[in-house]
Amino acid sequence: MRCGSARAELEAHWLRLTREALPALAASRRWPVRADHCFQRILLDHAVGGCWYDAIGGRPAYRHLDDRRLAAAVALGERVRAGEADLVALNRQSLAWRGKLRG
């Protein structure tokens, strides 16, 4: 069940993380992605275990994701930010799910 203020805080955290915090680290960490929508793709794909658009019916995706999976996406993003999760590997898996992995 959603508590309005808790959900709003979770969504705000998601937006700060994916629109500001992770893109700000991208160049210094030499990540293969820089744009906010790329971070969102990677984290949402991992939250649902495949292409997010196959699992989430509405747009914007984060608003239509259940609390548990949005919290998981935020937690993974925080692990990436802390250097505890490998964004390069996460991106490769996301691309593989989409059939876009080169090499």
N, C-alpha and C. Protein backbone atom coordinates (compact mmCIF):
# COMPACT_ATOMS: atom_id res chain seq x y z
N MET A 1 0.84 -1.19 0.00
CA MET A 1 0.00 0.00 0.00
C MET A 1 0.88 1.24 0.00
N ARG A 2 0.48 2.24 -0.76
CA ARG A 2 1.26 3.46 -0.88
C ARG A 2 0.85 4.48 0.16
N CYS A 3 1.83 5.01 0.85
CA CYS A 3 1.63 6.17 1.70
C CYS A 3 2.06 7.36 0.86
N GLY A 4 1.18 8.29 0.62
CA GLY A 4 1.45 9.39 -0.31
C GLY A 4 2.78 10.08 -0.12
N SER A 5 3.10 10.47 1.10
CA SER A 5 4.35 11.20 1.31
C SER A 5 5.56 10.30 1.15
N ALA A 6 5.46 9.04 1.56
CA ALA A 6 6.58 8.12 1.39
C ALA A 6 6.83 7.86 -0.09
N ARG A 7 5.77 7.69 -0.85
CA ARG A 7 5.92 7.47 -2.29
C ARG A 7 6.50 8.71 -2.96
N ALA A 8 6.02 9.88 -2.58
CA ALA A 8 6.54 11.12 -3.15
C ALA A 8 8.03 11.28 -2.85
N GLU A 9 8.44 10.92 -1.65
CA GLU A 9 9.86 10.99 -1.29
C GLU A 9 10.68 10.00 -2.10
N LEU A 10 10.15 8.80 -2.31
CA LEU A 10 10.84 7.79 -3.10
C LEU A 10 11.00 8.27 -4.55
N GLU A 11 9.95 8.82 -5.12
CA GLU A 11 10.03 9.34 -6.48
C GLU A 11 11.00 10.51 -6.58
N ALA A 12 11.00 11.39 -5.60
CA ALA A 12 11.93 12.52 -5.60
C ALA A 12 13.37 12.03 -5.50
N HIS A 13 13.60 11.02 -4.68
CA HIS A 13 14.94 10.42 -4.56
C HIS A 13 15.37 9.86 -5.91
N TRP A 14 14.48 9.12 -6.56
CA TRP A 14 14.73 8.55 -7.88
C TRP A 14 15.15 9.64 -8.88
N LEU A 15 14.40 10.71 -8.91
CA LEU A 15 14.68 11.78 -9.86
C LEU A 15 16.00 12.48 -9.56
N ARG A 16 16.28 12.76 -8.30
CA ARG A 16 17.57 13.38 -7.94
C ARG A 16 18.73 12.47 -8.31
N LEU A 17 18.58 11.19 -8.01
CA LEU A 17 19.63 10.21 -8.27
C LEU A 17 19.90 10.08 -9.76
N THR A 18 18.85 9.92 -10.56
CA THR A 18 19.04 9.63 -11.98
C THR A 18 19.22 10.87 -12.84
N ARG A 19 18.70 12.00 -12.40
CA ARG A 19 18.83 13.22 -13.20
C ARG A 19 20.04 14.06 -12.80
N GLU A 20 20.49 13.91 -11.55
CA GLU A 20 21.56 14.77 -11.06
C GLU A 20 22.78 13.99 -10.59
N ALA A 21 22.61 13.16 -9.57
CA ALA A 21 23.75 12.53 -8.90
C ALA A 21 24.56 11.62 -9.82
N LEU A 22 23.91 10.69 -10.48
CA LEU A 22 24.64 9.75 -11.33
C LEU A 22 25.23 10.43 -12.57
N PRO A 23 24.47 11.28 -13.28
CA PRO A 23 25.09 11.97 -14.41
C PRO A 23 26.30 12.83 -14.01
N ALA A 24 26.28 13.39 -12.81
CA ALA A 24 27.40 14.21 -12.35
C ALA A 24 28.67 13.39 -12.14
N LEU A 25 28.53 12.11 -11.88
CA LEU A 25 29.68 11.22 -11.66
C LEU A 25 30.18 10.55 -12.94
N ALA A 26 29.39 10.60 -13.99
CA ALA A 26 29.66 9.79 -15.19
C ALA A 26 31.03 10.03 -15.80
N ALA A 27 31.42 11.26 -16.00
CA ALA A 27 32.69 11.53 -16.67
C ALA A 27 33.88 11.10 -15.81
N SER A 28 33.86 11.45 -14.53
CA SER A 28 35.00 11.12 -13.67
C SER A 28 35.15 9.62 -13.46
N ARG A 29 34.06 8.88 -13.56
CA ARG A 29 34.12 7.43 -13.40
C ARG A 29 34.23 6.69 -14.73
N ARG A 30 34.25 7.46 -15.80
CA ARG A 30 34.40 6.90 -17.15
C ARG A 30 33.32 5.87 -17.48
N TRP A 31 32.12 6.19 -17.09
CA TRP A 31 30.99 5.32 -17.38
C TRP A 31 30.61 5.44 -18.85
N PRO A 32 30.05 4.39 -19.43
CA PRO A 32 29.68 4.43 -20.85
C PRO A 32 28.39 5.21 -21.12
N VAL A 33 27.70 5.64 -20.09
CA VAL A 33 26.47 6.43 -20.25
C VAL A 33 26.62 7.74 -19.48
N ARG A 34 25.94 8.77 -19.98
CA ARG A 34 25.98 10.08 -19.34
C ARG A 34 24.59 10.66 -19.10
N ALA A 35 23.64 10.28 -19.93
CA ALA A 35 22.30 10.89 -19.90
C ALA A 35 21.41 10.26 -18.84
N ASP A 36 20.55 11.09 -18.27
CA ASP A 36 19.66 10.62 -17.21
C ASP A 36 18.80 9.44 -17.65
N HIS A 37 18.28 9.49 -18.88
CA HIS A 37 17.41 8.39 -19.33
C HIS A 37 18.17 7.07 -19.45
N CYS A 38 19.48 7.13 -19.67
CA CYS A 38 20.27 5.89 -19.72
C CYS A 38 20.39 5.27 -18.33
N PHE A 39 20.64 6.09 -17.33
CA PHE A 39 20.68 5.58 -15.95
C PHE A 39 19.33 4.99 -15.57
N GLN A 40 18.26 5.68 -15.96
CA GLN A 40 16.92 5.19 -15.66
C GLN A 40 16.67 3.85 -16.35
N ARG A 41 17.06 3.72 -17.59
CA ARG A 41 16.90 2.45 -18.32
C ARG A 41 17.61 1.32 -17.60
N ILE A 42 18.85 1.54 -17.24
CA ILE A 42 19.65 0.49 -16.60
C ILE A 42 19.02 0.06 -15.28
N LEU A 43 18.69 1.02 -14.44
CA LEU A 43 18.16 0.70 -13.12
C LEU A 43 16.76 0.10 -13.20
N LEU A 44 15.92 0.62 -14.07
CA LEU A 44 14.58 0.05 -14.21
C LEU A 44 14.64 -1.36 -14.79
N ASP A 45 15.49 -1.58 -15.78
CA ASP A 45 15.63 -2.93 -16.33
C ASP A 45 16.00 -3.93 -15.25
N HIS A 46 16.94 -3.56 -14.39
CA HIS A 46 17.36 -4.48 -13.33
C HIS A 46 16.29 -4.64 -12.26
N ALA A 47 15.49 -3.62 -12.04
CA ALA A 47 14.40 -3.73 -11.06
C ALA A 47 13.34 -4.74 -11.51
N VAL A 48 13.14 -4.85 -12.83
CA VAL A 48 12.11 -5.76 -13.33
C VAL A 48 12.69 -7.04 -13.93
N GLY A 49 14.01 -7.11 -14.06
CA GLY A 49 14.64 -8.32 -14.59
C GLY A 49 14.52 -8.48 -16.09
N GLY A 50 14.49 -7.38 -16.80
CA GLY A 50 14.39 -7.40 -18.26
C GLY A 50 14.08 -6.00 -18.75
N CYS A 51 13.65 -5.88 -19.99
CA CYS A 51 13.31 -4.56 -20.53
C CYS A 51 12.14 -3.97 -19.75
N TRP A 52 12.33 -2.81 -19.17
CA TRP A 52 11.29 -2.25 -18.32
C TRP A 52 9.99 -2.02 -19.09
N TYR A 53 10.08 -1.67 -20.37
CA TYR A 53 8.86 -1.38 -21.10
C TYR A 53 8.02 -2.63 -21.35
N ASP A 54 8.58 -3.81 -21.15
CA ASP A 54 7.80 -5.05 -21.23
C ASP A 54 7.05 -5.33 -19.92
N ALA A 55 7.46 -4.68 -18.84
CA ALA A 55 6.89 -4.96 -17.52
C ALA A 55 6.09 -3.80 -16.93
N ILE A 56 6.30 -2.61 -17.45
CA ILE A 56 5.65 -1.42 -16.90
C ILE A 56 4.77 -0.80 -17.98
N GLY A 57 3.48 -0.72 -17.70
CA GLY A 57 2.54 -0.30 -18.72
C GLY A 57 2.47 1.18 -19.01
N GLY A 58 2.70 2.01 -18.03
CA GLY A 58 2.49 3.44 -18.23
C GLY A 58 3.77 4.24 -18.29
N ARG A 59 3.61 5.49 -18.64
CA ARG A 59 4.74 6.41 -18.69
C ARG A 59 4.37 7.65 -17.87
N PRO A 60 5.29 8.25 -17.17
CA PRO A 60 6.67 7.83 -17.00
C PRO A 60 6.75 6.55 -16.18
N ALA A 61 7.72 5.74 -16.50
CA ALA A 61 7.83 4.39 -15.93
C ALA A 61 7.90 4.40 -14.40
N TYR A 62 8.69 5.30 -13.82
CA TYR A 62 8.86 5.28 -12.36
C TYR A 62 7.54 5.52 -11.64
N ARG A 63 6.62 6.24 -12.24
CA ARG A 63 5.32 6.50 -11.61
C ARG A 63 4.41 5.28 -11.64
N HIS A 64 4.68 4.36 -12.56
CA HIS A 64 3.83 3.19 -12.72
C HIS A 64 4.46 1.92 -12.15
N LEU A 65 5.64 2.05 -11.59
CA LEU A 65 6.33 0.92 -10.97
C LEU A 65 5.85 0.80 -9.53
N ASP A 66 5.67 -0.42 -9.06
CA ASP A 66 5.24 -0.59 -7.67
C ASP A 66 6.35 -0.14 -6.71
N ASP A 67 5.96 0.14 -5.48
CA ASP A 67 6.89 0.68 -4.49
C ASP A 67 8.12 -0.21 -4.29
N ARG A 68 7.90 -1.51 -4.21
CA ARG A 68 9.01 -2.43 -3.95
C ARG A 68 10.06 -2.36 -5.05
N ARG A 69 9.62 -2.38 -6.29
CA ARG A 69 10.58 -2.37 -7.39
C ARG A 69 11.20 -0.99 -7.59
N LEU A 70 10.47 0.08 -7.33
CA LEU A 70 11.08 1.40 -7.40
C LEU A 70 12.13 1.55 -6.31
N ALA A 71 11.83 1.07 -5.11
CA ALA A 71 12.81 1.10 -4.02
C ALA A 71 14.05 0.28 -4.38
N ALA A 72 13.85 -0.85 -5.05
CA ALA A 72 14.99 -1.67 -5.48
C ALA A 72 15.83 -0.93 -6.52
N ALA A 73 15.19 -0.23 -7.44
CA ALA A 73 15.91 0.55 -8.44
C ALA A 73 16.71 1.67 -7.79
N VAL A 74 16.11 2.35 -6.82
CA VAL A 74 16.81 3.41 -6.09
C VAL A 74 17.99 2.83 -5.32
N ALA A 75 17.78 1.71 -4.65
CA ALA A 75 18.86 1.09 -3.87
C ALA A 75 20.02 0.68 -4.77
N LEU A 76 19.72 0.14 -5.94
CA LEU A 76 20.78 -0.22 -6.87
C LEU A 76 21.51 1.02 -7.35
N GLY A 77 20.77 2.08 -7.63
CA GLY A 77 21.40 3.34 -8.03
C GLY A 77 22.32 3.88 -6.95
N GLU A 78 21.91 3.76 -5.71
CA GLU A 78 22.77 4.21 -4.60
C GLU A 78 24.01 3.33 -4.49
N ARG A 79 23.88 2.04 -4.77
CA ARG A 79 25.05 1.15 -4.77
C ARG A 79 26.01 1.54 -5.89
N VAL A 80 25.47 1.90 -7.05
CA VAL A 80 26.30 2.38 -8.16
C VAL A 80 27.02 3.65 -7.73
N ARG A 81 26.29 4.57 -7.15
CA ARG A 81 26.86 5.85 -6.70
C ARG A 81 27.97 5.63 -5.69
N ALA A 82 27.80 4.66 -4.80
CA ALA A 82 28.79 4.38 -3.75
C ALA A 82 29.97 3.55 -4.27
N GLY A 83 29.91 3.12 -5.52
CA GLY A 83 30.98 2.30 -6.08
C GLY A 83 30.87 0.83 -5.69
N GLU A 84 29.70 0.42 -5.23
CA GLU A 84 29.48 -0.96 -4.78
C GLU A 84 28.82 -1.83 -5.84
N ALA A 85 28.38 -1.24 -6.93
CA ALA A 85 27.79 -1.99 -8.04
C ALA A 85 28.44 -1.50 -9.32
N ASP A 86 28.67 -2.40 -10.24
CA ASP A 86 29.39 -2.13 -11.48
C ASP A 86 28.43 -1.64 -12.56
N LEU A 87 28.43 -0.34 -12.80
CA LEU A 87 27.52 0.22 -13.79
C LEU A 87 27.81 -0.32 -15.19
N VAL A 88 29.05 -0.55 -15.52
CA VAL A 88 29.39 -1.07 -16.84
C VAL A 88 28.73 -2.44 -17.05
N ALA A 89 28.84 -3.31 -16.06
CA ALA A 89 28.22 -4.64 -16.15
C ALA A 89 26.69 -4.53 -16.19
N LEU A 90 26.14 -3.65 -15.38
CA LEU A 90 24.68 -3.45 -15.38
C LEU A 90 24.20 -2.96 -16.74
N ASN A 91 24.94 -2.03 -17.34
CA ASN A 91 24.59 -1.52 -18.65
C ASN A 91 24.68 -2.62 -19.71
N ARG A 92 25.72 -3.43 -19.65
CA ARG A 92 25.87 -4.52 -20.62
C ARG A 92 24.68 -5.48 -20.53
N GLN A 93 24.26 -5.81 -19.32
CA GLN A 93 23.11 -6.70 -19.17
C GLN A 93 21.84 -6.05 -19.71
N SER A 94 21.66 -4.78 -19.42
CA SER A 94 20.49 -4.06 -19.93
C SER A 94 20.46 -4.09 -21.46
N LEU A 95 21.60 -3.82 -22.07
CA LEU A 95 21.69 -3.85 -23.53
C LEU A 95 21.45 -5.26 -24.07
N ALA A 96 21.96 -6.27 -23.37
CA ALA A 96 21.75 -7.66 -23.80
C ALA A 96 20.26 -8.01 -23.78
N TRP A 97 19.55 -7.59 -22.73
CA TRP A 97 18.11 -7.84 -22.67
C TRP A 97 17.39 -7.22 -23.87
N ARG A 98 17.95 -6.14 -24.38
CA ARG A 98 17.33 -5.41 -25.49
C ARG A 98 17.85 -5.85 -26.86
N GLY A 99 18.79 -6.79 -26.87
CA GLY A 99 19.37 -7.23 -28.13
C GLY A 99 20.26 -6.20 -28.78
N LYS A 100 20.83 -5.30 -27.98
CA LYS A 100 21.65 -4.21 -28.50
C LYS A 100 23.11 -4.30 -28.10
N LEU A 101 23.50 -5.42 -27.55
CA LEU A 101 24.88 -5.59 -27.11
C LEU A 101 25.76 -5.85 -28.32
N ARG A 102 26.79 -5.04 -28.45
CA ARG A 102 27.74 -5.21 -29.56
C ARG A 102 28.96 -5.96 -29.07
N GLY A 103 29.54 -6.70 -29.98
CA GLY A 103 30.80 -7.35 -29.65
C GLY A 103 30.61 -8.75 -29.37
